[in-house]
N, C-alpha and C. Protein backbone atom coordinates (compact mmCIF):
# COMPACT_ATOMS: atom_id res chain seq x y z
N MET A 1 31.74 19.16 6.67
CA MET A 1 29.98 18.87 7.26
C MET A 1 29.31 18.40 5.51
N GLN A 2 28.73 17.03 5.72
CA GLN A 2 28.63 16.51 4.58
C GLN A 2 27.02 17.42 4.04
N GLU A 3 27.08 17.44 2.95
CA GLU A 3 25.23 17.85 2.46
C GLU A 3 25.23 16.87 1.03
N CYS A 4 23.89 17.20 0.80
CA CYS A 4 23.00 15.91 -0.10
C CYS A 4 24.06 16.35 -1.82
N LYS A 5 24.30 15.24 -2.15
CA LYS A 5 24.64 15.14 -3.33
C LYS A 5 23.94 15.45 -4.93
N LYS A 6 22.53 15.46 -4.28
CA LYS A 6 21.39 15.45 -5.32
C LYS A 6 21.80 14.51 -6.74
N CYS A 7 21.93 12.87 -6.09
CA CYS A 7 21.65 11.95 -6.87
C CYS A 7 20.31 11.61 -7.06
N GLY A 8 19.56 11.74 -5.99
CA GLY A 8 18.33 10.96 -6.34
C GLY A 8 18.31 9.42 -6.31
N LYS A 9 19.36 8.75 -5.53
CA LYS A 9 19.16 7.39 -4.83
C LYS A 9 18.34 7.49 -3.85
N CYS A 10 18.41 8.31 -3.11
CA CYS A 10 17.19 7.94 -1.66
C CYS A 10 15.97 7.87 -2.01
N CYS A 11 15.56 8.87 -3.18
CA CYS A 11 13.96 8.80 -4.07
C CYS A 11 13.85 8.00 -4.76
N GLU A 12 15.02 7.23 -5.04
CA GLU A 12 14.35 5.76 -6.56
C GLU A 12 14.43 4.51 -5.25
N LYS A 13 14.75 4.20 -4.11
CA LYS A 13 14.64 3.10 -3.08
C LYS A 13 12.96 3.03 -2.30
N SER A 14 12.78 4.24 -2.32
CA SER A 14 11.28 4.61 -2.13
C SER A 14 10.75 6.11 -1.91
N GLY A 15 9.29 6.51 -2.26
CA GLY A 15 8.52 7.40 -1.68
C GLY A 15 8.98 7.64 -0.02
N PRO A 16 8.10 9.16 0.37
CA PRO A 16 8.44 8.63 1.77
C PRO A 16 6.83 8.00 2.66
N THR A 17 7.01 7.74 3.23
CA THR A 17 5.78 7.24 4.35
C THR A 17 5.16 8.49 5.05
N LEU A 18 3.43 9.10 4.71
CA LEU A 18 3.63 10.54 5.34
C LEU A 18 3.20 10.09 7.21
N HIS A 19 2.72 11.31 7.67
CA HIS A 19 2.82 11.20 8.55
C HIS A 19 1.66 12.59 8.98
N ILE A 20 1.57 12.60 10.24
CA ILE A 20 0.26 14.09 10.80
C ILE A 20 0.82 14.79 10.15
N GLU A 21 2.19 14.90 10.26
CA GLU A 21 2.74 16.08 10.09
C GLU A 21 2.05 17.03 8.53
N ASP A 22 1.69 15.85 7.43
CA ASP A 22 1.86 15.90 6.58
C ASP A 22 0.46 16.11 6.31
N LYS A 23 -0.82 16.06 6.87
CA LYS A 23 -1.96 15.59 6.39
C LYS A 23 -2.46 16.99 5.52
N TYR A 24 -1.71 18.26 6.59
CA TYR A 24 -1.98 19.38 5.51
C TYR A 24 -1.85 19.20 4.09
N LEU A 25 -0.81 18.62 3.41
CA LEU A 25 -0.36 18.15 2.27
C LEU A 25 -1.59 18.00 1.48
N VAL A 26 -2.04 16.92 2.04
CA VAL A 26 -3.25 16.06 0.96
C VAL A 26 -4.49 16.98 1.28
N VAL A 27 -4.83 17.44 2.29
CA VAL A 27 -6.09 19.08 2.64
C VAL A 27 -5.89 19.77 1.35
N GLN A 28 -5.21 20.23 1.54
CA GLN A 28 -4.54 21.33 0.44
C GLN A 28 -4.08 20.84 -0.67
N GLY A 29 -3.90 19.87 -0.99
CA GLY A 29 -3.96 19.28 -2.64
C GLY A 29 -2.60 19.68 -3.49
N LYS A 30 -1.94 19.70 -2.18
CA LYS A 30 -0.55 19.75 -2.93
C LYS A 30 -0.10 18.63 -3.11
N ILE A 31 -0.35 17.99 -2.22
CA ILE A 31 0.09 16.14 -2.74
C ILE A 31 -1.44 15.37 -3.05
N PRO A 32 -1.98 15.38 -4.25
CA PRO A 32 -3.44 14.54 -4.48
C PRO A 32 -3.36 13.36 -4.18
N PRO A 33 -4.65 12.78 -3.78
CA PRO A 33 -5.11 11.80 -3.36
C PRO A 33 -4.62 10.72 -3.69
N SER A 34 -4.96 10.77 -5.56
CA SER A 34 -4.18 9.60 -5.97
C SER A 34 -2.84 9.50 -6.86
N ASP A 35 -1.74 10.35 -5.92
CA ASP A 35 -0.92 9.81 -5.83
C ASP A 35 0.31 9.39 -4.56
N LEU A 36 -1.91 8.62 -3.83
CA LEU A 36 -0.73 8.40 -2.90
C LEU A 36 -1.07 6.64 -2.62
N VAL A 37 -0.96 5.48 -2.02
CA VAL A 37 -1.06 4.42 -1.79
C VAL A 37 -0.66 3.90 -0.62
N THR A 38 -1.96 3.47 -0.05
CA THR A 38 -2.23 2.65 1.86
C THR A 38 -1.50 1.57 1.07
N LEU A 39 -0.90 0.63 2.18
CA LEU A 39 0.14 -0.05 3.07
C LEU A 39 -0.48 -0.46 3.99
N ARG A 40 -1.62 -1.59 4.14
CA ARG A 40 -1.90 -2.19 5.19
C ARG A 40 -1.35 -2.38 6.37
N LYS A 41 -2.62 -2.88 7.17
CA LYS A 41 -1.52 -3.76 8.74
C LYS A 41 -1.93 -5.08 8.33
N GLY A 42 -0.78 -5.67 8.43
CA GLY A 42 -0.54 -7.53 7.33
C GLY A 42 0.68 -7.02 6.34
N GLU A 43 0.75 -6.16 5.87
CA GLU A 43 1.24 -6.43 4.17
C GLU A 43 2.92 -6.31 4.86
N LYS A 44 3.39 -6.68 3.15
CA LYS A 44 5.30 -6.65 3.99
C LYS A 44 5.72 -5.28 3.35
N ALA A 45 6.82 -4.47 4.27
CA ALA A 45 7.48 -3.58 3.62
C ALA A 45 8.90 -3.38 3.50
N LEU A 46 9.83 -2.71 3.12
CA LEU A 46 10.83 -2.67 4.14
C LEU A 46 11.01 -2.10 4.97
N ASP A 47 11.81 -2.42 5.48
CA ASP A 47 12.70 -2.29 6.79
C ASP A 47 13.43 -1.09 6.29
N PRO A 48 13.66 0.26 6.64
CA PRO A 48 14.67 1.41 6.82
C PRO A 48 15.74 0.98 7.22
N LYS A 49 15.27 0.99 8.33
CA LYS A 49 16.55 -0.13 9.65
C LYS A 49 17.36 -0.95 8.99
N THR A 50 17.00 -1.79 9.00
CA THR A 50 17.46 -3.27 8.26
C THR A 50 17.49 -3.66 6.92
N GLY A 51 16.76 -3.10 6.00
CA GLY A 51 16.70 -3.10 4.64
C GLY A 51 16.29 -4.38 4.41
N GLU A 52 15.46 -4.89 5.13
CA GLU A 52 14.82 -6.94 5.13
C GLU A 52 13.26 -6.03 5.32
N LYS A 53 12.09 -7.63 4.28
CA LYS A 53 10.94 -6.94 4.49
C LYS A 53 10.04 -7.20 5.42
N ILE A 54 9.27 -6.55 6.56
CA ILE A 54 8.72 -6.98 7.71
C ILE A 54 7.44 -7.01 7.28
N ILE A 55 5.97 -7.98 8.55
CA ILE A 55 5.04 -7.38 8.47
C ILE A 55 4.65 -6.29 8.65
N LEU A 56 3.84 -5.06 8.29
CA LEU A 56 3.22 -4.15 8.90
C LEU A 56 2.82 -4.15 10.23
N GLU A 57 2.74 -3.34 11.58
CA GLU A 57 1.86 -4.05 12.51
C GLU A 57 1.26 -2.86 12.31
N ASN A 58 0.61 -1.64 11.94
CA ASN A 58 -0.35 -0.64 11.56
C ASN A 58 -0.28 -0.22 10.07
N GLU A 59 -1.08 0.18 9.17
CA GLU A 59 -1.17 0.63 8.42
C GLU A 59 -0.39 2.08 8.00
N ILE A 60 0.08 2.18 6.68
CA ILE A 60 0.89 3.19 6.51
C ILE A 60 0.81 3.63 4.99
N ILE A 61 0.78 5.16 4.98
CA ILE A 61 0.44 6.05 3.70
C ILE A 61 1.41 6.25 3.33
N LYS A 62 1.85 5.69 1.77
CA LYS A 62 3.75 6.33 1.41
C LYS A 62 2.59 6.79 -0.40
N ILE A 63 4.15 7.70 -0.67
CA ILE A 63 3.40 8.45 -2.08
C ILE A 63 4.31 7.25 -2.84
N LYS A 64 3.38 6.97 -3.82
CA LYS A 64 3.31 5.95 -4.99
C LYS A 64 5.23 6.36 -5.47
N GLY A 65 5.12 5.00 -6.10
CA GLY A 65 6.13 4.67 -6.68
C GLY A 65 6.03 4.37 -8.36
N LYS A 66 6.63 4.64 -9.27
CA LYS A 66 6.64 4.46 -10.76
C LYS A 66 6.85 3.39 -11.24
N ASN A 67 6.76 3.37 -12.66
CA ASN A 67 7.13 1.86 -13.51
C ASN A 67 7.49 0.51 -12.91
N LYS A 68 6.48 0.58 -12.20
CA LYS A 68 6.52 -0.72 -11.07
C LYS A 68 7.66 -1.39 -10.15
N THR A 69 8.02 0.22 -9.88
CA THR A 69 8.85 0.62 -8.94
C THR A 69 8.72 1.24 -7.59
N TRP A 70 9.20 0.83 -6.06
CA TRP A 70 9.11 2.28 -5.35
C TRP A 70 9.77 3.51 -5.50
N SER A 71 10.42 3.77 -6.50
CA SER A 71 11.28 5.01 -6.88
C SER A 71 10.08 6.21 -7.22
N CYS A 72 10.10 7.28 -6.22
CA CYS A 72 9.03 8.34 -6.09
C CYS A 72 8.60 9.01 -7.25
N ILE A 73 7.09 9.14 -7.36
CA ILE A 73 6.70 9.46 -8.39
C ILE A 73 7.43 11.08 -8.73
N TYR A 74 7.35 11.85 -7.48
CA TYR A 74 7.79 13.17 -8.07
C TYR A 74 9.28 13.48 -8.05
N LEU A 75 10.12 11.99 -8.10
CA LEU A 75 11.65 12.26 -8.12
C LEU A 75 11.64 12.92 -9.95
N ASP A 76 12.54 13.68 -10.82
CA ASP A 76 12.25 14.35 -12.06
C ASP A 76 13.70 12.78 -12.53
N GLU A 77 13.60 12.34 -13.73
CA GLU A 77 14.73 11.58 -14.29
C GLU A 77 16.26 12.25 -14.55
N ASP A 78 15.63 13.71 -15.34
CA ASP A 78 16.81 14.23 -15.97
C ASP A 78 17.42 15.05 -14.79
N SER A 79 17.01 15.68 -13.89
CA SER A 79 17.63 16.56 -13.01
C SER A 79 17.66 15.92 -11.63
N LYS A 80 16.84 14.67 -11.42
CA LYS A 80 17.43 14.24 -10.05
C LYS A 80 17.15 14.66 -9.06
N LEU A 81 16.30 15.70 -9.19
CA LEU A 81 15.47 16.50 -7.76
C LEU A 81 14.21 16.18 -7.62
N CYS A 82 13.81 16.46 -6.62
CA CYS A 82 12.07 16.79 -6.35
C CYS A 82 11.01 17.47 -7.07
N SER A 83 9.86 17.33 -7.86
CA SER A 83 9.09 18.21 -8.34
C SER A 83 8.10 18.76 -7.46
N ILE A 84 7.69 18.36 -5.92
CA ILE A 84 7.42 19.37 -5.28
C ILE A 84 7.80 19.46 -3.64
N TYR A 85 9.33 20.21 -4.24
CA TYR A 85 10.58 20.42 -2.80
C TYR A 85 9.87 21.73 -1.72
N ASP A 86 9.41 22.40 -2.29
CA ASP A 86 8.58 22.88 -1.49
C ASP A 86 7.61 22.50 -0.36
N SER A 87 7.14 21.85 -1.21
CA SER A 87 6.09 20.87 -0.41
C SER A 87 6.61 19.40 -0.14
N ARG A 88 7.62 19.17 0.17
CA ARG A 88 7.83 17.31 0.19
C ARG A 88 7.15 17.20 1.52
N PRO A 89 7.22 16.26 1.90
CA PRO A 89 6.86 15.61 3.49
C PRO A 89 7.74 15.38 4.78
N VAL A 90 7.53 15.73 5.77
CA VAL A 90 8.87 15.74 7.12
C VAL A 90 9.81 14.86 7.13
N GLU A 91 10.01 13.29 5.80
CA GLU A 91 10.34 12.50 6.13
C GLU A 91 11.52 13.09 5.03
N CYS A 92 10.94 13.78 4.34
CA CYS A 92 11.93 14.32 2.75
C CYS A 92 12.95 15.45 3.36
N ARG A 93 11.80 16.39 4.60
CA ARG A 93 12.87 16.99 4.86
C ARG A 93 13.71 16.72 5.84
N LEU A 94 13.85 15.65 6.53
CA LEU A 94 14.83 15.33 7.68
C LEU A 94 15.91 14.10 6.54
N LEU A 95 15.58 13.88 6.17
CA LEU A 95 16.43 12.71 5.57
C LEU A 95 17.06 13.12 5.28
N LYS A 96 18.52 12.36 5.64
CA LYS A 96 20.50 12.26 5.25
C LYS A 96 21.20 10.97 4.74
N CYS A 97 21.39 11.13 3.67
CA CYS A 97 21.24 9.38 3.06
C CYS A 97 22.83 8.98 4.08
N TRP A 98 23.59 10.50 4.63
CA TRP A 98 24.65 9.55 5.08
C TRP A 98 24.34 9.74 6.63
N ASP A 99 23.41 9.78 7.48
CA ASP A 99 22.78 9.79 8.64
C ASP A 99 21.30 9.12 8.97
N ILE A 100 20.39 7.93 8.96
CA ILE A 100 19.50 8.11 9.13
C ILE A 100 18.84 7.98 10.33
N LYS A 101 19.83 8.47 11.18
CA LYS A 101 18.93 8.35 12.82
C LYS A 101 17.83 9.14 12.81
N SER A 102 17.64 10.52 12.00
CA SER A 102 16.51 11.59 11.89
C SER A 102 15.44 10.89 11.56
N ILE A 103 15.31 9.94 10.31
CA ILE A 103 14.18 9.34 9.91
C ILE A 103 13.89 8.27 10.16
N VAL A 104 14.56 6.75 10.96
CA VAL A 104 14.42 6.19 12.00
C VAL A 104 13.68 6.56 13.28
N SER A 105 14.20 7.28 13.78
CA SER A 105 13.31 8.11 14.93
C SER A 105 11.82 8.36 14.48
N LEU A 106 11.06 8.79 13.25
CA LEU A 106 9.90 8.88 12.83
C LEU A 106 9.31 7.23 12.84
N MET A 107 9.72 6.62 13.07
CA MET A 107 9.70 4.94 12.19
C MET A 107 8.20 4.63 13.38
N ASN A 108 7.09 4.52 12.87
CA ASN A 108 5.96 3.91 13.81
C ASN A 108 5.01 5.38 14.57
N LYS A 109 5.69 6.49 14.46
CA LYS A 109 5.49 7.67 14.69
C LYS A 109 4.50 8.62 14.27
N ASN A 110 3.03 8.71 15.16
CA ASN A 110 2.41 10.15 14.19
C ASN A 110 1.72 9.90 12.64
N LEU A 111 2.19 8.40 12.54
CA LEU A 111 1.54 8.06 11.50
C LEU A 111 0.38 8.66 10.63
N LEU A 112 0.04 9.37 9.50
CA LEU A 112 -1.06 9.41 8.82
C LEU A 112 -1.99 8.11 8.63
N THR A 113 -3.28 8.63 8.99
CA THR A 113 -3.89 7.01 8.42
C THR A 113 -4.96 7.29 7.45
N ARG A 114 -6.10 6.74 7.12
CA ARG A 114 -7.32 6.93 5.99
C ARG A 114 -7.84 7.20 6.73
N GLU A 115 -8.15 7.20 8.63
CA GLU A 115 -9.46 7.52 9.42
C GLU A 115 -8.92 9.10 9.53
N LEU A 116 -7.56 9.76 9.15
CA LEU A 116 -7.63 10.97 10.07
C LEU A 116 -7.89 11.80 7.84
N VAL A 117 -7.38 11.22 7.13
CA VAL A 117 -7.48 12.24 6.00
C VAL A 117 -9.16 11.77 5.39
N PHE A 118 -10.18 11.06 6.07
CA PHE A 118 -11.34 11.28 5.20
C PHE A 118 -12.52 10.98 6.39
N GLN A 119 -11.81 11.46 7.58
CA GLN A 119 -12.62 11.79 8.74
C GLN A 119 -13.45 12.41 8.90
N LYS A 120 -13.76 13.22 7.87
CA LYS A 120 -14.79 14.15 7.33
C LYS A 120 -16.28 13.51 6.18
N ILE A 121 -15.80 12.09 5.82
CA ILE A 121 -16.90 11.41 4.76
C ILE A 121 -16.75 10.25 5.62
N PRO A 122 -17.66 10.23 6.59
CA PRO A 122 -18.54 9.01 7.13
C PRO A 122 -18.42 7.75 6.57
N ALA A 123 -19.03 8.05 5.46
CA ALA A 123 -19.62 6.70 4.70
C ALA A 123 -18.42 5.97 4.12
N LEU A 124 -17.59 6.63 3.76
CA LEU A 124 -16.49 6.60 3.18
C LEU A 124 -15.36 5.42 4.34
N SER A 125 -15.80 6.55 5.33
CA SER A 125 -14.66 5.59 6.54
C SER A 125 -15.39 4.30 6.76
N ASP A 126 -16.55 3.89 6.52
CA ASP A 126 -17.27 2.41 7.17
C ASP A 126 -16.76 1.67 6.06
N LEU A 127 -16.74 2.38 4.82
CA LEU A 127 -16.01 1.46 3.52
C LEU A 127 -14.93 1.19 4.23
N ILE A 128 -14.18 1.59 4.59
CA ILE A 128 -12.82 1.03 4.55
C ILE A 128 -12.12 0.41 5.87
N LYS A 129 -13.45 0.41 6.86
CA LYS A 129 -13.70 -0.52 7.72
C LYS A 129 -14.03 -1.47 7.61
N GLU A 130 -14.82 -1.57 6.63
CA GLU A 130 -15.60 -3.20 6.51
C GLU A 130 -14.74 -3.87 5.52
N HIS A 131 -13.71 -3.28 4.58
CA HIS A 131 -12.87 -3.97 3.62
C HIS A 131 -11.58 -4.26 4.61
N ASP A 132 -11.26 -3.66 5.53
CA ASP A 132 -10.45 -3.86 6.40
C ASP A 132 -10.57 -5.48 7.16
N GLN A 133 -11.69 -5.24 7.67
CA GLN A 133 -12.15 -6.38 8.33
C GLN A 133 -12.60 -7.33 7.41
N LYS A 134 -13.53 -7.51 6.42
CA LYS A 134 -13.25 -8.69 5.29
C LYS A 134 -12.20 -8.71 4.48
N CYS A 135 -11.26 -8.45 4.44
CA CYS A 135 -9.94 -8.46 4.08
C CYS A 135 -8.33 -8.62 4.50
N SER A 136 -9.03 -8.87 5.97
CA SER A 136 -7.73 -9.43 7.04
C SER A 136 -6.90 -10.35 5.84
N TYR A 137 -5.20 -9.38 6.06
CA TYR A 137 -4.21 -10.22 5.70
C TYR A 137 -3.85 -11.15 6.27
N LYS A 138 -4.15 -11.01 8.16
CA LYS A 138 -4.03 -12.42 9.01
C LYS A 138 -4.70 -13.31 8.46
N GLU A 139 -6.25 -12.79 8.31
CA GLU A 139 -7.08 -14.41 7.69
C GLU A 139 -6.88 -14.83 6.61
N ILE A 140 -6.44 -14.05 5.65
CA ILE A 140 -5.90 -14.78 4.23
C ILE A 140 -4.44 -15.50 4.53
N ARG A 141 -3.63 -15.24 5.60
CA ARG A 141 -2.48 -15.74 6.04
C ARG A 141 -2.82 -17.03 6.46
N ASP A 142 -4.30 -17.09 7.23
CA ASP A 142 -4.94 -18.67 8.19
C ASP A 142 -5.04 -19.36 7.05
N LEU A 143 -5.94 -18.68 5.80
CA LEU A 143 -6.62 -19.12 5.14
C LEU A 143 -5.36 -20.52 4.39
N LEU A 144 -4.44 -19.83 3.85
CA LEU A 144 -3.60 -20.16 3.22
C LEU A 144 -2.67 -21.18 3.98
N ASN A 145 -2.60 -20.98 4.86
CA ASN A 145 -2.02 -22.51 5.87
C ASN A 145 -3.03 -23.54 6.12
N GLU A 146 -4.05 -23.31 5.72
CA GLU A 146 -4.56 -24.09 6.06
C GLU A 146 -4.99 -24.72 4.69
N ILE A 147 -4.92 -24.39 3.78
CA ILE A 147 -4.85 -24.87 1.97
C ILE A 147 -3.80 -25.31 1.92
N GLU A 148 -2.74 -24.74 1.94
CA GLU A 148 -1.37 -25.84 2.63
C GLU A 148 -1.42 -27.27 2.66
N ASN A 149 -1.86 -26.77 4.23
CA ASN A 149 -1.66 -28.29 5.34
C ASN A 149 -3.07 -29.16 4.66
N GLN A 150 -3.93 -28.56 3.77
CA GLN A 150 -5.25 -29.39 4.28
C GLN A 150 -6.19 -29.04 5.07
N THR A 151 -6.19 -28.66 5.85
CA THR A 151 -6.81 -29.36 7.54
C THR A 151 -8.09 -28.60 6.74
N ASN A 152 -9.09 -27.68 5.93
CA ASN A 152 -10.02 -27.16 5.75
C ASN A 152 -9.97 -26.89 4.16
N ASN A 153 -11.05 -28.33 4.22
CA ASN A 153 -11.66 -27.88 2.47
C ASN A 153 -12.20 -26.86 2.23
N LYS A 154 -12.89 -25.86 2.91
CA LYS A 154 -13.55 -25.00 2.73
C LYS A 154 -12.79 -23.61 2.69
N ALA A 155 -11.61 -23.46 2.64
CA ALA A 155 -10.99 -23.00 2.86
C ALA A 155 -10.44 -22.13 1.24
N LEU A 156 -10.29 -22.69 1.22
CA LEU A 156 -10.51 -22.48 -0.87
C LEU A 156 -10.99 -21.08 -1.14
N GLU A 157 -12.50 -21.83 -1.17
CA GLU A 157 -13.71 -20.68 -1.22
C GLU A 157 -14.08 -19.25 -0.71
N LYS A 158 -13.40 -19.76 0.81
CA LYS A 158 -13.40 -18.27 1.57
C LYS A 158 -12.52 -17.65 1.49
N LEU A 159 -11.29 -18.34 0.99
CA LEU A 159 -10.47 -17.01 0.36
C LEU A 159 -10.78 -16.55 -0.97
N LYS A 160 -11.83 -17.39 -1.51
CA LYS A 160 -12.10 -16.43 -3.40
C LYS A 160 -12.86 -15.40 -2.86
N GLU A 161 -14.26 -15.78 -1.68
CA GLU A 161 -14.91 -14.68 -1.18
C GLU A 161 -14.50 -13.67 -0.62
N ILE A 162 -12.91 -13.81 -0.49
CA ILE A 162 -12.26 -12.26 0.25
C ILE A 162 -11.72 -11.78 -1.03
N ILE A 163 -11.13 -12.20 -1.65
CA ILE A 163 -10.65 -11.49 -2.80
C ILE A 163 -12.08 -10.70 -4.23
N LEU A 164 -12.56 -12.02 -4.32
CA LEU A 164 -14.23 -11.30 -5.30
C LEU A 164 -14.86 -10.09 -4.24
N PHE A 165 -14.50 -9.72 -2.83
CA PHE A 165 -15.50 -8.98 -2.15
C PHE A 165 -14.51 -7.45 -2.25
N ASP A 166 -12.91 -8.00 -2.16
CA ASP A 166 -12.24 -6.61 -3.02
C ASP A 166 -12.17 -6.00 -4.15
N ILE A 167 -12.45 -6.89 -4.88
CA ILE A 167 -12.56 -6.63 -6.54
C ILE A 167 -14.10 -5.73 -6.75
N ASN A 168 -15.25 -6.72 -6.13
CA ASN A 168 -16.00 -5.86 -6.18
C ASN A 168 -16.18 -4.47 -5.37
N ILE A 169 -16.26 -4.40 -4.06
CA ILE A 169 -15.77 -3.13 -3.15
C ILE A 169 -15.12 -1.79 -4.45
N ARG A 170 -14.21 -1.99 -4.67
CA ARG A 170 -13.34 -1.40 -5.49
C ARG A 170 -13.93 -1.14 -6.77
N GLU A 171 -14.83 -2.22 -7.53
CA GLU A 171 -15.83 -1.26 -8.89
C GLU A 171 -16.88 -0.65 -8.71
N ILE A 172 -17.53 -0.89 -7.48
CA ILE A 172 -18.66 -0.30 -7.34
C ILE A 172 -18.15 0.84 -6.39
N VAL A 173 -17.12 1.42 -5.73
CA VAL A 173 -16.90 2.59 -5.51
C VAL A 173 -16.64 3.32 -7.08
N SER A 174 -15.87 2.86 -7.61
CA SER A 174 -15.56 3.32 -8.73
C SER A 174 -17.03 3.69 -9.49
N GLU A 175 -17.52 3.04 -9.74
CA GLU A 175 -18.65 3.16 -10.93
C GLU A 175 -20.19 4.23 -9.86
N LYS A 176 -19.83 4.76 -8.67
CA LYS A 176 -20.73 5.31 -7.61
C LYS A 176 -20.23 6.50 -7.57
N GLN A 177 -19.08 6.53 -7.40
CA GLN A 177 -18.07 7.90 -7.42
C GLN A 177 -17.04 8.26 -8.47
N LYS A 178 -16.60 8.62 -9.39
CA LYS A 178 -15.95 9.03 -10.25
C LYS A 178 -14.62 9.05 -9.50
N ALA A 179 -14.46 10.47 -8.99
CA ALA A 179 -13.82 11.35 -7.80
C ALA A 179 -13.10 9.83 -7.19
N ALA A 180 -13.69 9.28 -6.87
CA ALA A 180 -12.92 8.42 -5.76
C ALA A 180 -12.07 6.98 -6.70
N SER A 181 -12.46 7.00 -7.72
CA SER A 181 -11.79 5.89 -8.95
C SER A 181 -10.61 6.12 -8.90
N PHE A 182 -10.18 7.66 -8.98
CA PHE A 182 -8.41 8.04 -8.77
C PHE A 182 -7.66 7.71 -7.83
N MET A 183 -8.16 7.34 -6.72
CA MET A 183 -7.66 7.12 -5.00
C MET A 183 -8.01 5.31 -4.45
N LEU A 184 -7.90 4.88 -5.43
CA LEU A 184 -8.34 3.26 -4.73
C LEU A 184 -7.43 3.43 -3.96
N ASP A 185 -6.45 3.03 -4.11
CA ASP A 185 -4.83 3.00 -3.72
C ASP A 185 -4.56 3.44 -2.34
N LEU A 186 -5.47 4.58 -2.34
CA LEU A 186 -5.53 4.95 -0.95
C LEU A 186 -6.19 4.76 -0.12
N ILE A 187 -7.62 4.50 -0.75
CA ILE A 187 -8.75 4.05 0.06
C ILE A 187 -8.81 2.78 0.49
N PHE A 188 -8.19 1.83 -1.03
CA PHE A 188 -8.61 0.65 -0.20
C PHE A 188 -6.95 -0.13 -0.13
N GLY A 189 -5.71 0.71 -0.37
CA GLY A 189 -4.78 -0.01 -0.12
C GLY A 189 -4.65 -1.15 -1.44
N ARG A 190 -3.53 -1.01 -1.73
CA ARG A 190 -3.35 -2.32 -3.00
C ARG A 190 -3.94 -3.37 -3.21
N SER A 191 -4.78 -3.44 -4.03
CA SER A 191 -5.79 -4.12 -4.78
C SER A 191 -4.96 -5.63 -4.21
N LEU A 192 -5.78 -6.87 -3.99
CA LEU A 192 -5.27 -8.43 -3.22
C LEU A 192 -5.07 -9.09 -4.49
N ILE A 193 -5.25 -8.41 -5.67
CA ILE A 193 -4.73 -9.55 -6.62
C ILE A 193 -3.33 -9.16 -6.99
N THR A 194 -2.67 -8.07 -6.20
CA THR A 194 -1.79 -7.43 -6.43
C THR A 194 -0.58 -7.99 -5.28
N THR A 195 -0.97 -8.17 -4.19
CA THR A 195 -0.26 -7.95 -3.17
C THR A 195 -0.03 -9.62 -2.59
N MET A 196 -0.81 -10.02 -3.33
CA MET A 196 -1.08 -11.83 -3.21
C MET A 196 0.33 -12.72 -3.62
N GLU A 197 0.40 -11.62 -4.48
CA GLU A 197 2.11 -12.55 -4.80
C GLU A 197 3.29 -12.05 -3.95
N GLN A 198 2.66 -11.17 -2.99
CA GLN A 198 4.28 -11.37 -1.55
C GLN A 198 3.77 -12.34 -0.68
N LEU A 199 2.54 -13.08 -0.94
CA LEU A 199 2.63 -14.51 0.00
C LEU A 199 2.76 -15.74 -0.99
N ARG A 200 2.87 -15.51 -2.34
CA ARG A 200 3.35 -16.24 -3.33
C ARG A 200 2.61 -16.59 -4.35
N TYR A 201 1.59 -16.31 -4.25
CA TYR A 201 0.30 -16.56 -5.19
C TYR A 201 0.17 -15.63 -6.16
N LYS A 202 0.04 -16.32 -7.32
CA LYS A 202 -1.10 -15.21 -8.39
C LYS A 202 -2.42 -15.50 -8.69
N VAL A 203 -2.88 -14.56 -8.23
CA VAL A 203 -4.21 -14.32 -8.97
C VAL A 203 -4.75 -13.72 -9.88
N LYS A 204 -5.61 -14.57 -10.50
CA LYS A 204 -6.37 -13.99 -12.31
C LYS A 204 -7.46 -13.65 -12.90
N TYR A 205 -7.89 -12.61 -12.65
CA TYR A 205 -9.70 -12.58 -12.40
C TYR A 205 -10.26 -11.94 -14.06
N SER A 206 -11.24 -12.66 -14.63
CA SER A 206 -11.98 -12.19 -15.23
C SER A 206 -13.37 -12.27 -15.40
N ARG A 207 -14.45 -11.81 -15.84
CA ARG A 207 -15.77 -11.96 -15.66
C ARG A 207 -15.90 -13.51 -16.34
N GLU A 208 -15.38 -13.94 -17.59
CA GLU A 208 -16.07 -15.24 -18.56
C GLU A 208 -15.28 -15.93 -17.76
N GLU A 209 -14.34 -15.98 -16.77
CA GLU A 209 -13.24 -17.35 -16.26
C GLU A 209 -13.28 -17.15 -15.33
N GLY A 210 -13.81 -15.85 -14.33
CA GLY A 210 -13.79 -16.40 -12.66
C GLY A 210 -12.50 -15.91 -12.58
N LEU A 211 -12.00 -16.28 -11.34
CA LEU A 211 -10.98 -16.61 -10.46
C LEU A 211 -10.20 -17.69 -10.21
N VAL A 212 -9.07 -17.18 -10.23
CA VAL A 212 -8.50 -18.41 -10.30
C VAL A 212 -7.21 -18.37 -9.66
N ILE A 213 -6.53 -19.13 -8.64
CA ILE A 213 -5.57 -18.78 -7.20
C ILE A 213 -4.43 -20.15 -7.70
N SER A 214 -3.29 -19.37 -8.19
CA SER A 214 -1.76 -20.63 -8.30
C SER A 214 -0.76 -20.31 -7.75
N PRO A 215 -0.67 -20.86 -6.91
CA PRO A 215 0.80 -20.92 -6.24
C PRO A 215 2.09 -20.82 -7.29
N TYR A 216 2.81 -19.69 -6.70
CA TYR A 216 4.49 -19.80 -8.08
C TYR A 216 4.93 -21.09 -7.73
N ILE A 217 5.38 -21.45 -6.95
CA ILE A 217 5.59 -23.29 -6.91
C ILE A 217 5.19 -23.81 -7.21
N ILE A 218 4.22 -24.02 -6.21
CA ILE A 218 3.41 -25.64 -6.78
C ILE A 218 2.44 -25.30 -8.10
N ASP A 219 2.77 -26.15 -8.98
CA ASP A 219 2.44 -26.45 -10.36
C ASP A 219 1.03 -26.49 -10.62
N ASN A 220 0.21 -26.61 -9.53
CA ASN A 220 -0.93 -27.09 -9.14
C ASN A 220 -2.19 -25.71 -9.33
N ILE A 221 -2.81 -26.06 -9.69
CA ILE A 221 -3.99 -25.21 -9.95
C ILE A 221 -4.65 -24.40 -8.42
N LEU A 222 -5.05 -24.01 -7.75
CA LEU A 222 -6.56 -24.06 -6.81
C LEU A 222 -7.19 -23.08 -7.83
N SER A 223 -8.16 -23.82 -7.96
CA SER A 223 -9.14 -23.17 -8.65
C SER A 223 -10.73 -23.39 -8.09
């Protein structure tokens, strides 16, 4: 019978996705909301079955990575052990690196969602729905396609409006609710400034210079 060698390699690849069974860990503060990140519908994520990146059909909530990687923040680098072992999520309890059948069987099933996490805070739930509607990855991809094919000369301005909305709503929530400022990655997912890199575009923003969008491959700056 194989046993875990406590090498930490599984945890270095990625933190777990949370499921409904894990809601109590968040509600009871065993896993603080500030340690979680939402990957929204339409984002790219690693498929554990194939090891390839896929476009998400549903949102998922994950434990954050560290040092700009997906290495789980709860992995102790020295001991290679889990710092919240007794409160680890269901995926971690089922994971066996030599046999991933159990964890694969959980994919896209009983996923924990922001609606479930914030169901007792209607105002915040409404903001999340508004953000998802106005910052849809499908619309962003459609606009980029129009920009690249020069089929809509207003597409760039519309794209800028979407990214600025994402920036502004985060600033407003941070200013009005200090507690919420620590969990923006959970509430609204990763910023579009970050995730536009998945689509091979760089986004730079400052109040002084405004918003600049530039493709990684093409030298022209879309501004």
